[in-house]
Amino acid sequence: MSGTDSSHDASVISQTHTPDAGLQAEHEVVGAETHAVMADPVLPVTPAPVPSAPLSEGVAIKEVFQMVGAMVFVFCFAALGFNAMYHAGY
């Protein structure tokens, strides 16, 4: 295993030489210029929210009438049951 790290990860090759100082300084300058020129990308994590329908008085009045209709149905059903119980002799 010459030239490799002796740890459990044998695929990592150890570096025996040091990079040239001139190349490293040039790389840092180019990296800083590139970072200054290029803006960070904005990646949306979630999709944009879907705008909801505007609330109007028509919707609220419709819901009130629906609730009143349901209550009338329940009271009529109870009255029908009490009428059947009365005629059955309970």
N, C-alpha and C. Protein backbone atom coordinates (compact mmCIF):
# COMPACT_ATOMS: atom_id res chain seq x y z
N MET A 1 0.84 -1.19 0.00
CA MET A 1 0.00 0.00 0.00
C MET A 1 0.87 1.24 0.00
N SER A 2 1.77 1.33 -0.84
CA SER A 2 2.63 2.50 -0.86
C SER A 2 1.90 3.66 -1.52
N GLY A 3 2.00 4.82 -0.94
CA GLY A 3 1.36 6.01 -1.50
C GLY A 3 -0.08 6.20 -1.07
N THR A 4 -0.60 5.31 -0.25
CA THR A 4 -1.98 5.46 0.21
C THR A 4 -2.00 5.59 1.72
N ASP A 5 -3.10 6.06 2.21
CA ASP A 5 -3.28 6.19 3.65
C ASP A 5 -3.53 4.80 4.21
N SER A 6 -3.00 4.50 5.36
CA SER A 6 -3.13 3.16 5.92
C SER A 6 -4.41 3.00 6.74
N SER A 7 -5.28 3.98 6.72
CA SER A 7 -6.52 3.87 7.48
C SER A 7 -7.51 2.99 6.73
N HIS A 8 -8.72 2.93 7.21
CA HIS A 8 -9.74 2.07 6.61
C HIS A 8 -10.16 2.54 5.22
N ASP A 9 -9.93 3.78 4.87
CA ASP A 9 -10.30 4.29 3.56
C ASP A 9 -9.07 4.26 2.66
N ALA A 10 -8.89 3.17 1.94
CA ALA A 10 -7.70 2.99 1.12
C ALA A 10 -7.79 3.77 -0.19
N SER A 11 -8.96 4.33 -0.51
CA SER A 11 -9.09 5.04 -1.78
C SER A 11 -8.51 6.45 -1.73
N VAL A 12 -8.24 6.97 -0.55
CA VAL A 12 -7.69 8.31 -0.41
C VAL A 12 -6.18 8.22 -0.52
N ILE A 13 -5.61 8.93 -1.47
CA ILE A 13 -4.16 8.91 -1.68
C ILE A 13 -3.56 10.08 -0.92
N SER A 14 -2.55 9.81 -0.12
CA SER A 14 -1.93 10.88 0.65
C SER A 14 -1.03 11.70 -0.27
N GLN A 15 -0.99 12.99 -0.04
CA GLN A 15 -0.17 13.88 -0.86
C GLN A 15 1.19 14.01 -0.22
N THR A 16 2.23 13.78 -1.04
CA THR A 16 3.59 13.84 -0.51
C THR A 16 4.28 15.13 -0.91
N HIS A 17 3.66 15.95 -1.77
CA HIS A 17 4.29 17.20 -2.19
C HIS A 17 3.40 18.37 -1.80
N THR A 18 4.00 19.54 -1.67
CA THR A 18 3.24 20.74 -1.34
C THR A 18 2.99 21.53 -2.62
N PRO A 19 1.81 22.12 -2.77
CA PRO A 19 1.52 22.89 -3.98
C PRO A 19 2.40 24.14 -4.06
N ASP A 20 2.60 24.60 -5.26
CA ASP A 20 3.42 25.79 -5.49
C ASP A 20 2.71 27.00 -4.88
N ALA A 21 3.44 27.82 -4.18
CA ALA A 21 2.85 28.99 -3.52
C ALA A 21 2.30 29.98 -4.52
N GLY A 22 2.92 30.12 -5.68
CA GLY A 22 2.44 31.04 -6.71
C GLY A 22 1.11 30.60 -7.28
N LEU A 23 0.96 29.29 -7.51
CA LEU A 23 -0.31 28.78 -8.02
C LEU A 23 -1.41 28.91 -6.99
N GLN A 24 -1.07 28.70 -5.73
CA GLN A 24 -2.07 28.82 -4.68
C GLN A 24 -2.56 30.26 -4.56
N ALA A 25 -1.68 31.23 -4.63
CA ALA A 25 -2.08 32.64 -4.54
C ALA A 25 -2.93 33.02 -5.74
N GLU A 26 -2.56 32.53 -6.93
CA GLU A 26 -3.35 32.82 -8.13
C GLU A 26 -4.73 32.21 -8.03
N HIS A 27 -4.79 30.99 -7.49
CA HIS A 27 -6.10 30.33 -7.32
C HIS A 27 -6.99 31.12 -6.35
N GLU A 28 -6.43 31.64 -5.29
CA GLU A 28 -7.21 32.42 -4.33
C GLU A 28 -7.73 33.70 -4.96
N VAL A 29 -6.92 34.37 -5.80
CA VAL A 29 -7.34 35.61 -6.46
C VAL A 29 -8.46 35.32 -7.44
N VAL A 30 -8.29 34.25 -8.24
CA VAL A 30 -9.32 33.90 -9.22
C VAL A 30 -10.61 33.49 -8.52
N GLY A 31 -10.47 32.75 -7.42
CA GLY A 31 -11.66 32.34 -6.67
C GLY A 31 -12.38 33.52 -6.08
N ALA A 32 -11.65 34.50 -5.57
CA ALA A 32 -12.28 35.69 -4.99
C ALA A 32 -12.96 36.52 -6.07
N GLU A 33 -12.31 36.64 -7.24
CA GLU A 33 -12.93 37.40 -8.35
C GLU A 33 -14.18 36.70 -8.84
N THR A 34 -14.11 35.39 -8.97
CA THR A 34 -15.28 34.64 -9.45
C THR A 34 -16.43 34.78 -8.47
N HIS A 35 -16.12 34.71 -7.19
CA HIS A 35 -17.17 34.84 -6.19
C HIS A 35 -17.76 36.25 -6.19
N ALA A 36 -16.93 37.27 -6.46
CA ALA A 36 -17.43 38.64 -6.48
C ALA A 36 -18.30 38.89 -7.70
N VAL A 37 -17.99 38.25 -8.84
CA VAL A 37 -18.74 38.48 -10.07
C VAL A 37 -20.03 37.68 -10.08
N MET A 38 -19.97 36.44 -9.66
CA MET A 38 -21.16 35.57 -9.73
C MET A 38 -21.99 35.73 -8.47
N ALA A 39 -23.26 35.94 -8.67
CA ALA A 39 -24.17 36.06 -7.52
C ALA A 39 -24.54 34.66 -7.05
N ASP A 40 -24.85 34.56 -5.78
CA ASP A 40 -25.29 33.28 -5.25
C ASP A 40 -26.64 32.92 -5.85
N PRO A 41 -26.80 31.68 -6.33
CA PRO A 41 -28.08 31.30 -6.92
C PRO A 41 -29.16 31.19 -5.85
N VAL A 42 -30.35 31.57 -6.19
CA VAL A 42 -31.48 31.47 -5.28
C VAL A 42 -32.31 30.28 -5.73
N LEU A 43 -32.33 29.26 -4.91
CA LEU A 43 -33.08 28.06 -5.22
C LEU A 43 -34.30 28.00 -4.30
N PRO A 44 -35.50 27.99 -4.87
CA PRO A 44 -36.69 27.92 -4.01
C PRO A 44 -36.79 26.54 -3.37
N VAL A 45 -37.03 26.53 -2.08
CA VAL A 45 -37.14 25.27 -1.36
C VAL A 45 -38.55 24.71 -1.53
N THR A 46 -39.53 25.56 -1.47
CA THR A 46 -40.91 25.14 -1.64
C THR A 46 -41.52 25.94 -2.79
N PRO A 47 -42.55 25.41 -3.42
CA PRO A 47 -43.18 26.19 -4.48
C PRO A 47 -43.86 27.43 -3.93
N ALA A 48 -44.08 28.39 -4.81
CA ALA A 48 -44.72 29.63 -4.40
C ALA A 48 -46.14 29.34 -3.91
N PRO A 49 -46.60 30.03 -2.88
CA PRO A 49 -47.95 29.76 -2.38
C PRO A 49 -49.00 30.19 -3.40
N VAL A 50 -50.05 29.41 -3.46
CA VAL A 50 -51.15 29.70 -4.37
C VAL A 50 -52.04 30.75 -3.73
N PRO A 51 -52.32 31.84 -4.41
CA PRO A 51 -53.18 32.86 -3.80
C PRO A 51 -54.59 32.32 -3.61
N SER A 52 -55.14 32.58 -2.44
CA SER A 52 -56.48 32.10 -2.15
C SER A 52 -57.52 33.05 -2.75
N ALA A 53 -58.71 32.52 -2.89
CA ALA A 53 -59.80 33.32 -3.44
C ALA A 53 -60.16 34.42 -2.45
N PRO A 54 -60.43 35.61 -2.92
CA PRO A 54 -60.78 36.68 -1.99
C PRO A 54 -62.12 36.39 -1.31
N LEU A 55 -62.18 36.67 -0.01
CA LEU A 55 -63.42 36.46 0.73
C LEU A 55 -64.42 37.54 0.34
N SER A 56 -65.63 37.09 0.14
CA SER A 56 -66.68 38.05 -0.20
C SER A 56 -67.89 37.76 0.67
N GLU A 57 -68.80 38.70 0.69
CA GLU A 57 -70.02 38.53 1.48
C GLU A 57 -70.90 37.43 0.92
N GLY A 58 -70.81 37.18 -0.39
CA GLY A 58 -71.62 36.14 -1.00
C GLY A 58 -71.29 34.76 -0.47
N VAL A 59 -70.02 34.52 -0.24
CA VAL A 59 -69.60 33.23 0.30
C VAL A 59 -70.09 33.07 1.73
N ALA A 60 -69.96 34.11 2.54
CA ALA A 60 -70.39 34.04 3.94
C ALA A 60 -71.90 33.85 4.04
N ILE A 61 -72.66 34.55 3.22
CA ILE A 61 -74.12 34.41 3.26
C ILE A 61 -74.52 33.02 2.79
N LYS A 62 -73.83 32.49 1.79
CA LYS A 62 -74.12 31.14 1.31
C LYS A 62 -73.90 30.12 2.42
N GLU A 63 -72.82 30.28 3.20
CA GLU A 63 -72.55 29.36 4.30
C GLU A 63 -73.60 29.47 5.39
N VAL A 64 -74.09 30.68 5.66
CA VAL A 64 -75.14 30.86 6.67
C VAL A 64 -76.41 30.15 6.22
N PHE A 65 -76.79 30.31 4.96
CA PHE A 65 -78.00 29.63 4.46
C PHE A 65 -77.82 28.11 4.49
N GLN A 66 -76.63 27.64 4.19
CA GLN A 66 -76.38 26.20 4.24
C GLN A 66 -76.51 25.68 5.66
N MET A 67 -76.01 26.43 6.65
CA MET A 67 -76.11 26.02 8.04
C MET A 67 -77.56 26.03 8.50
N VAL A 68 -78.32 27.05 8.12
CA VAL A 68 -79.73 27.12 8.49
C VAL A 68 -80.50 25.96 7.87
N GLY A 69 -80.19 25.65 6.61
CA GLY A 69 -80.86 24.52 5.95
C GLY A 69 -80.56 23.20 6.64
N ALA A 70 -79.33 23.01 7.09
CA ALA A 70 -78.98 21.78 7.80
C ALA A 70 -79.72 21.70 9.13
N MET A 71 -79.84 22.83 9.82
CA MET A 71 -80.56 22.83 11.09
C MET A 71 -82.04 22.54 10.89
N VAL A 72 -82.65 23.10 9.86
CA VAL A 72 -84.07 22.81 9.56
C VAL A 72 -84.24 21.34 9.26
N PHE A 73 -83.30 20.73 8.49
CA PHE A 73 -83.38 19.31 8.17
C PHE A 73 -83.34 18.47 9.45
N VAL A 74 -82.44 18.81 10.38
CA VAL A 74 -82.32 18.04 11.62
C VAL A 74 -83.57 18.19 12.46
N PHE A 75 -84.11 19.41 12.59
CA PHE A 75 -85.33 19.60 13.38
C PHE A 75 -86.52 18.88 12.75
N CYS A 76 -86.63 18.91 11.44
CA CYS A 76 -87.73 18.19 10.78
C CYS A 76 -87.60 16.69 10.97
N PHE A 77 -86.36 16.19 10.90
CA PHE A 77 -86.14 14.76 11.09
C PHE A 77 -86.50 14.36 12.52
N ALA A 78 -86.17 15.22 13.50
CA ALA A 78 -86.52 14.93 14.90
C ALA A 78 -88.04 14.98 15.08
N ALA A 79 -88.69 15.96 14.45
CA ALA A 79 -90.15 16.04 14.56
C ALA A 79 -90.81 14.82 13.93
N LEU A 80 -90.28 14.33 12.84
CA LEU A 80 -90.83 13.13 12.20
C LEU A 80 -90.66 11.93 13.13
N GLY A 81 -89.51 11.85 13.79
CA GLY A 81 -89.29 10.75 14.73
C GLY A 81 -90.23 10.82 15.93
N PHE A 82 -90.41 12.03 16.50
CA PHE A 82 -91.34 12.17 17.62
C PHE A 82 -92.77 11.87 17.20
N ASN A 83 -93.15 12.25 15.99
CA ASN A 83 -94.49 11.96 15.48
C ASN A 83 -94.66 10.44 15.35
N ALA A 84 -93.64 9.73 14.85
CA ALA A 84 -93.74 8.28 14.73
C ALA A 84 -93.82 7.62 16.10
N MET A 85 -93.07 8.13 17.08
CA MET A 85 -93.13 7.59 18.42
C MET A 85 -94.51 7.83 19.05
N TYR A 86 -95.11 8.98 18.79
CA TYR A 86 -96.43 9.30 19.34
C TYR A 86 -97.47 8.34 18.80
N HIS A 87 -97.42 8.09 17.47
CA HIS A 87 -98.43 7.21 16.86
C HIS A 87 -98.16 5.74 17.17
N ALA A 88 -96.93 5.40 17.53
CA ALA A 88 -96.63 4.01 17.88
C ALA A 88 -97.00 3.71 19.33
N GLY A 89 -97.26 4.73 20.11
CA GLY A 89 -97.70 4.53 21.49
C GLY A 89 -96.58 4.54 22.50
N TYR A 90 -95.45 5.03 22.20
CA TYR A 90 -94.35 5.09 23.18
C TYR A 90 -94.52 6.25 24.09
